[in-house]
PDB file of N, CA and C in Angstrom:
ATOM      1  N   GLU A   1      91.938 103.823  94.972  1.00  0.00           N
ATOM      2  CA  GLU A   1      90.753 103.580  95.772  1.00  0.00           C
ATOM      3  C   GLU A   1      90.092 102.299  95.288  1.00  0.00           C
ATOM      4  N   LEU A   2      89.730 101.452  96.238  1.00  0.00           N
ATOM      5  CA  LEU A   2      89.041 100.212  95.888  1.00  0.00           C
ATOM      6  C   LEU A   2      87.549 100.453  95.725  1.00  0.00           C
ATOM      7  N   PRO A   3      86.947  99.787  94.759  1.00  0.00           N
ATOM      8  CA  PRO A   3      85.492  99.872  94.638  1.00  0.00           C
ATOM      9  C   PRO A   3      84.818  99.296  95.892  1.00  0.00           C
ATOM     10  N   GLN A   4      83.648  99.790  96.216  1.00  0.00           N
ATOM     11  CA  GLN A   4      82.929  99.339  97.411  1.00  0.00           C
ATOM     12  C   GLN A   4      82.725  97.829  97.407  1.00  0.00           C
ATOM     13  N   ASN A   5      82.470  97.243  96.249  1.00  0.00           N
ATOM     14  CA  ASN A   5      82.274  95.798  96.162  1.00  0.00           C
ATOM     15  C   ASN A   5      83.520  95.033  96.615  1.00  0.00           C
ATOM     16  N   ASP A   6      84.705  95.507  96.227  1.00  0.00           N
ATOM     17  CA  ASP A   6      85.953  94.866  96.654  1.00  0.00           C
ATOM     18  C   ASP A   6      86.139  94.999  98.161  1.00  0.00           C
ATOM     19  N   ILE A   7      85.824  96.153  98.707  1.00  0.00           N
ATOM     20  CA  ILE A   7      85.925  96.361 100.155  1.00  0.00           C
ATOM     21  C   ILE A   7      84.988  95.399 100.879  1.00  0.00           C
ATOM     22  N   ASN A   8      83.770  95.257 100.378  1.00  0.00           N
ATOM     23  CA  ASN A   8      82.815  94.325 100.982  1.00  0.00           C
ATOM     24  C   ASN A   8      83.341  92.894 100.944  1.00  0.00           C
ATOM     25  N   GLU A   9      83.963  92.505  99.826  1.00  0.00           N
ATOM     26  CA  GLU A   9      84.534  91.158  99.714  1.00  0.00           C
ATOM     27  C   GLU A   9      85.659  90.947 100.718  1.00  0.00           C
ATOM     28  N   LEU A  10      86.487  91.963 100.921  1.00  0.00           N
ATOM     29  CA  LEU A  10      87.561  91.851 101.912  1.00  0.00           C
ATOM     30  C   LEU A  10      86.992  91.606 103.303  1.00  0.00           C
ATOM     31  N   PHE A  11      85.994  92.379 103.691  1.00  0.00           N
ATOM     32  CA  PHE A  11      85.386  92.205 105.008  1.00  0.00           C
ATOM     33  C   PHE A  11      84.680  90.860 105.126  1.00  0.00           C
ATOM     34  N   ALA A  12      84.116  90.364 104.036  1.00  0.00           N
ATOM     35  CA  ALA A  12      83.404  89.088 104.061  1.00  0.00           C
ATOM     36  C   ALA A  12      84.342  87.907 104.293  1.00  0.00           C
ATOM     37  N   LEU A  13      85.630  88.082 104.064  1.00  0.00           N
ATOM     38  CA  LEU A  13      86.588  87.003 104.303  1.00  0.00           C
ATOM     39  C   LEU A  13      86.697  86.670 105.787  1.00  0.00           C
ATOM     40  N   GLY A  14      86.332  87.604 106.645  1.00  0.00           N
ATOM     41  CA  GLY A  14      86.241  87.332 108.078  1.00  0.00           C
ATOM     42  C   GLY A  14      87.525  87.530 108.853  1.00  0.00           C
ATOM     43  N   THR A  15      87.428  87.201 110.154  1.00  0.00           N
ATOM     44  CA  THR A  15      88.579  87.359 111.044  1.00  0.00           C
ATOM     45  C   THR A  15      89.641  86.331 110.696  1.00  0.00           C
ATOM     46  N   GLY A  16      90.857  86.657 111.024  1.00  0.00           N
ATOM     47  CA  GLY A  16      91.972  85.770 110.725  1.00  0.00           C
ATOM     48  C   GLY A  16      92.484  85.905 109.304  1.00  0.00           C
ATOM     49  N   THR A  17      91.935  86.835 108.559  1.00  0.00           N
ATOM     50  CA  THR A  17      92.373  87.049 107.183  1.00  0.00           C
ATOM     51  C   THR A  17      93.712  87.776 107.173  1.00  0.00           C
ATOM     52  N   ILE A  18      94.617  87.283 106.372  1.00  0.00           N
ATOM     53  CA  ILE A  18      95.930  87.914 106.210  1.00  0.00           C
ATOM     54  C   ILE A  18      95.901  88.694 104.899  1.00  0.00           C
ATOM     55  N   ILE A  19      96.262  89.966 104.995  1.00  0.00           N
ATOM     56  CA  ILE A  19      96.240  90.843 103.826  1.00  0.00           C
ATOM     57  C   ILE A  19      97.659  91.298 103.519  1.00  0.00           C
ATOM     58  N   SER A  20      98.065  91.130 102.267  1.00  0.00           N
ATOM     59  CA  SER A  20      99.376  91.579 101.800  1.00  0.00           C
ATOM     60  C   SER A  20      99.168  92.599 100.693  1.00  0.00           C
ATOM     61  N   ILE A  21     100.037  93.599 100.668  1.00  0.00           N
ATOM     62  CA  ILE A  21      99.951  94.633  99.643  1.00  0.00           C
ATOM     63  C   ILE A  21     101.263  94.677  98.879  1.00  0.00           C
ATOM     64  N   ASP A  22     101.182  94.565  97.568  1.00  0.00           N
ATOM     65  CA  ASP A  22     102.341  94.662  96.690  1.00  0.00           C
ATOM     66  C   ASP A  22     102.233  95.997  95.957  1.00  0.00           C
ATOM     67  N   LEU A  23     103.033  96.968  96.387  1.00  0.00           N
ATOM     68  CA  LEU A  23     102.957  98.302  95.793  1.00  0.00           C
ATOM     69  C   LEU A  23     103.413  98.316  94.344  1.00  0.00           C
ATOM     70  N   GLU A  24     104.417  97.528  94.021  1.00  0.00           N
ATOM     71  CA  GLU A  24     104.917  97.522  92.647  1.00  0.00           C
ATOM     72  C   GLU A  24     103.882  96.963  91.676  1.00  0.00           C
ATOM     73  N   LYS A  25     103.196  95.891  92.071  1.00  0.00           N
ATOM     74  CA  LYS A  25     102.154  95.299  91.222  1.00  0.00           C
ATOM     75  C   LYS A  25     100.809  95.994  91.409  1.00  0.00           C
ATOM     76  N   GLN A  26     100.731  96.859  92.421  1.00  0.00           N
ATOM     77  CA  GLN A  26      99.492  97.546  92.784  1.00  0.00           C
ATOM     78  C   GLN A  26      98.375  96.519  92.964  1.00  0.00           C
ATOM     79  N   GLN A  27      98.645  95.601  93.900  1.00  0.00           N
ATOM     80  CA  GLN A  27      97.730  94.496  94.128  1.00  0.00           C
ATOM     81  C   GLN A  27      97.615  94.200  95.624  1.00  0.00           C
ATOM     82  N   ILE A  28      96.407  93.858  96.046  1.00  0.00           N
ATOM     83  CA  ILE A  28      96.132  93.411  97.407  1.00  0.00           C
ATOM     84  C   ILE A  28      95.781  91.932  97.320  1.00  0.00           C
ATOM     85  N   VAL A  29      96.415  91.119  98.170  1.00  0.00           N
ATOM     86  CA  VAL A  29      96.108  89.696  98.231  1.00  0.00           C
ATOM     87  C   VAL A  29      95.621  89.402  99.644  1.00  0.00           C
ATOM     88  N   ALA A  30      94.446  88.789  99.734  1.00  0.00           N
ATOM     89  CA  ALA A  30      93.855  88.456 101.029  1.00  0.00           C
ATOM     90  C   ALA A  30      93.577  86.962 101.075  1.00  0.00           C
ATOM     91  N   GLU A  31      93.974  86.325 102.194  1.00  0.00           N
ATOM     92  CA  GLU A  31      93.719  84.893 102.368  1.00  0.00           C
ATOM     93  C   GLU A  31      93.151  84.673 103.757  1.00  0.00           C
ATOM     94  N   ASN A  32      91.976  84.023 103.812  1.00  0.00           N
ATOM     95  CA  ASN A  32      91.355  83.798 105.114  1.00  0.00           C
ATOM     96  C   ASN A  32      91.820  82.481 105.717  1.00  0.00           C
ATOM     97  N   SER A  33      91.342  82.189 106.920  1.00  0.00           N
ATOM     98  CA  SER A  33      91.798  81.008 107.656  1.00  0.00           C
ATOM     99  C   SER A  33      91.343  79.696 107.009  1.00  0.00           C
ATOM    100  N   GLN A  34      90.381  79.746 106.088  1.00  0.00           N
ATOM    101  CA  GLN A  34      89.952  78.544 105.366  1.00  0.00           C
ATOM    102  C   GLN A  34      90.731  78.354 104.064  1.00  0.00           C
ATOM    103  N   GLY A  35      91.686  79.225 103.796  1.00  0.00           N
ATOM    104  CA  GLY A  35      92.498  79.116 102.591  1.00  0.00           C
ATOM    105  C   GLY A  35      91.911  79.798 101.371  1.00  0.00           C
ATOM    106  N   GLU A  36      90.776  80.461 101.550  1.00  0.00           N
ATOM    107  CA  GLU A  36      90.177  81.202 100.434  1.00  0.00           C
ATOM    108  C   GLU A  36      91.034  82.430 100.155  1.00  0.00           C
ATOM    109  N   LYS A  37      91.446  82.583  98.908  1.00  0.00           N
ATOM    110  CA  LYS A  37      92.362  83.659  98.529  1.00  0.00           C
ATOM    111  C   LYS A  37      91.712  84.537  97.465  1.00  0.00           C
ATOM    112  N   LYS A  38      91.824  85.847  97.654  1.00  0.00           N
ATOM    113  CA  LYS A  38      91.282  86.794  96.677  1.00  0.00           C
ATOM    114  C   LYS A  38      92.332  87.852  96.390  1.00  0.00           C
ATOM    115  N   GLU A  39      92.331  88.321  95.145  1.00  0.00           N
ATOM    116  CA  GLU A  39      93.258  89.370  94.729  1.00  0.00           C
ATOM    117  C   GLU A  39      92.465  90.563  94.215  1.00  0.00           C
ATOM    118  N   PHE A  40      92.947  91.748  94.562  1.00  0.00           N
ATOM    119  CA  PHE A  40      92.301  92.989  94.163  1.00  0.00           C
ATOM    120  C   PHE A  40      93.364  93.926  93.610  1.00  0.00           C
ATOM    121  N   SER A  41      93.050  94.595  92.532  1.00  0.00           N
ATOM    122  CA  SER A  41      93.974  95.562  91.939  1.00  0.00           C
ATOM    123  C   SER A  41      93.586  96.972  92.350  1.00  0.00           C
ATOM    124  N   PHE A  42      94.586  97.825  92.453  1.00  0.00           N
ATOM    125  CA  PHE A  42      94.348  99.234  92.747  1.00  0.00           C
ATOM    126  C   PHE A  42      95.355 100.053  91.971  1.00  0.00           C
ATOM    127  N   GLU A  43      95.096 101.340  91.849  1.00  0.00           N
ATOM    128  CA  GLU A  43      96.013 102.231  91.142  1.00  0.00           C
ATOM    129  C   GLU A  43      96.403 103.396  92.033  1.00  0.00           C
ATOM    130  N   LEU A  44      97.680 103.705  92.008  1.00  0.00           N
ATOM    131  CA  LEU A  44      98.198 104.912  92.650  1.00  0.00           C
ATOM    132  C   LEU A  44      98.814 105.768  91.556  1.00  0.00           C
ATOM    133  N   ASN A  45      98.568 107.067  91.611  1.00  0.00           N
ATOM    134  CA  ASN A  45      99.247 107.920  90.640  1.00  0.00           C
ATOM    135  C   ASN A  45     100.728 107.964  91.014  1.00  0.00           C
ATOM    136  N   PRO A  46     101.600 108.321  90.101  1.00  0.00           N
ATOM    137  CA  PRO A  46     103.041 108.279  90.365  1.00  0.00           C
ATOM    138  C   PRO A  46     103.472 109.070  91.605  1.00  0.00           C
ATOM    139  N   PHE A  47     102.870 110.222  91.851  1.00  0.00           N
ATOM    140  CA  PHE A  47     103.251 111.019  93.020  1.00  0.00           C
ATOM    141  C   PHE A  47     102.877 110.302  94.313  1.00  0.00           C
ATOM    142  N   ASP A  48     101.651 109.794  94.411  1.00  0.00           N
ATOM    143  CA  ASP A  48     101.231 109.074  95.615  1.00  0.00           C
ATOM    144  C   ASP A  48     102.072 107.821  95.823  1.00  0.00           C
ATOM    145  N   HIS A  49     102.405 107.139  94.728  1.00  0.00           N
ATOM    146  CA  HIS A  49     103.258 105.952  94.818  1.00  0.00           C
ATOM    147  C   HIS A  49     104.605 106.321  95.432  1.00  0.00           C
ATOM    148  N   GLU A  50     105.183 107.411  94.973  1.00  0.00           N
ATOM    149  CA  GLU A  50     106.470 107.875  95.494  1.00  0.00           C
ATOM    150  C   GLU A  50     106.366 108.232  96.975  1.00  0.00           C
ATOM    151  N   LEU A  51     105.262 108.866  97.369  1.00  0.00           N
ATOM    152  CA  LEU A  51     105.063 109.205  98.787  1.00  0.00           C
ATOM    153  C   LEU A  51     105.032 107.951  99.652  1.00  0.00           C
ATOM    154  N   VAL A  52     104.297 106.944  99.219  1.00  0.00           N
ATOM    155  CA  VAL A  52     104.181 105.711  99.997  1.00  0.00           C
ATOM    156  C   VAL A  52     105.530 105.012 100.083  1.00  0.00           C
ATOM    157  N   ILE A  53     106.229 104.902  98.963  1.00  0.00           N
ATOM    158  CA  ILE A  53     107.540 104.248  98.944  1.00  0.00           C
ATOM    159  C   ILE A  53     108.526 104.980  99.853  1.00  0.00           C
ATOM    160  N   SER A  54     108.421 106.308  99.898  1.00  0.00           N
ATOM    161  CA  SER A  54     109.333 107.120 100.715  1.00  0.00           C
ATOM    162  C   SER A  54     109.018 107.048 102.200  1.00  0.00           C
ATOM    163  N   GLY A  55     107.802 106.620 102.547  1.00  0.00           N
ATOM    164  CA  GLY A  55     107.425 106.557 103.955  1.00  0.00           C
ATOM    165  C   GLY A  55     106.577 107.727 104.407  1.00  0.00           C
ATOM    166  N   GLY A  56     106.061 108.503 103.478  1.00  0.00           N
ATOM    167  CA  GLY A  56     105.194 109.629 103.820  1.00  0.00           C
ATOM    168  C   GLY A  56     105.747 110.941 103.303  1.00  0.00           C
ATOM    169  N   TRP A  57     105.000 112.001 103.597  1.00  0.00           N
ATOM    170  CA  TRP A  57     105.347 113.314 103.071  1.00  0.00           C
ATOM    171  C   TRP A  57     106.687 113.819 103.591  1.00  0.00           C
ATOM    172  N   LEU A  58     106.922 113.736 104.889  1.00  0.00           N
ATOM    173  CA  LEU A  58     108.163 114.301 105.437  1.00  0.00           C
ATOM    174  C   LEU A  58     109.407 113.603 104.904  1.00  0.00           C
ATOM    175  N   PRO A  59     109.477 112.260 104.919  1.00  0.00           N
ATOM    176  CA  PRO A  59     110.652 111.621 104.322  1.00  0.00           C
ATOM    177  C   PRO A  59     110.804 111.940 102.833  1.00  0.00           C
ATOM    178  N   TYR A  60     109.678 112.030 102.120  1.00  0.00           N
ATOM    179  CA  TYR A  60     109.732 112.380 100.699  1.00  0.00           C
ATOM    180  C   TYR A  60     110.322 113.775 100.529  1.00  0.00           C
ATOM    181  N   ALA A  61     109.803 114.741 101.284  1.00  0.00           N
ATOM    182  CA  ALA A  61     110.285 116.122 101.186  1.00  0.00           C
ATOM    183  C   ALA A  61     111.755 116.212 101.574  1.00  0.00           C
ATOM    184  N   ASP A  62     112.151 115.487 102.626  1.00  0.00           N
ATOM    185  CA  ASP A  62     113.556 115.496 103.046  1.00  0.00           C
ATOM    186  C   ASP A  62     114.471 114.974 101.947  1.00  0.00           C
ATOM    187  N   SER A  63     113.996 113.983 101.189  1.00  0.00           N
ATOM    188  CA  SER A  63     114.842 113.413 100.140  1.00  0.00           C
ATOM    189  C   SER A  63     114.894 114.287  98.891  1.00  0.00           C
ATOM    190  N   LYS A  64     113.919 115.180  98.732  1.00  0.00           N
ATOM    191  CA  LYS A  64     113.841 116.000  97.521  1.00  0.00           C
ATOM    192  C   LYS A  64     114.329 117.433  97.713  1.00  0.00           C
ATOM    193  N   TYR A  65     114.272 117.937  98.944  1.00  0.00           N
ATOM    194  CA  TYR A  65     114.577 119.357  99.149  1.00  0.00           C
ATOM    195  C   TYR A  65     115.710 119.558 100.119  1.00  0.00           C
TER     196      TYR A  65
END
């Protein structure tokens, strides 16, 4: 979960902002149309990380059971 301040900063970047998420680094990179770039870190517990990598609960369950 991102802190509220980080969420506010993301929205402040404005329209045209491109957001990339690196699950392995647990990092969000946002760059607006003026070239302003910001990076935000987040944490996923190992189970949630596995769910996201698998594509959700059903694909995860299908691969495990």
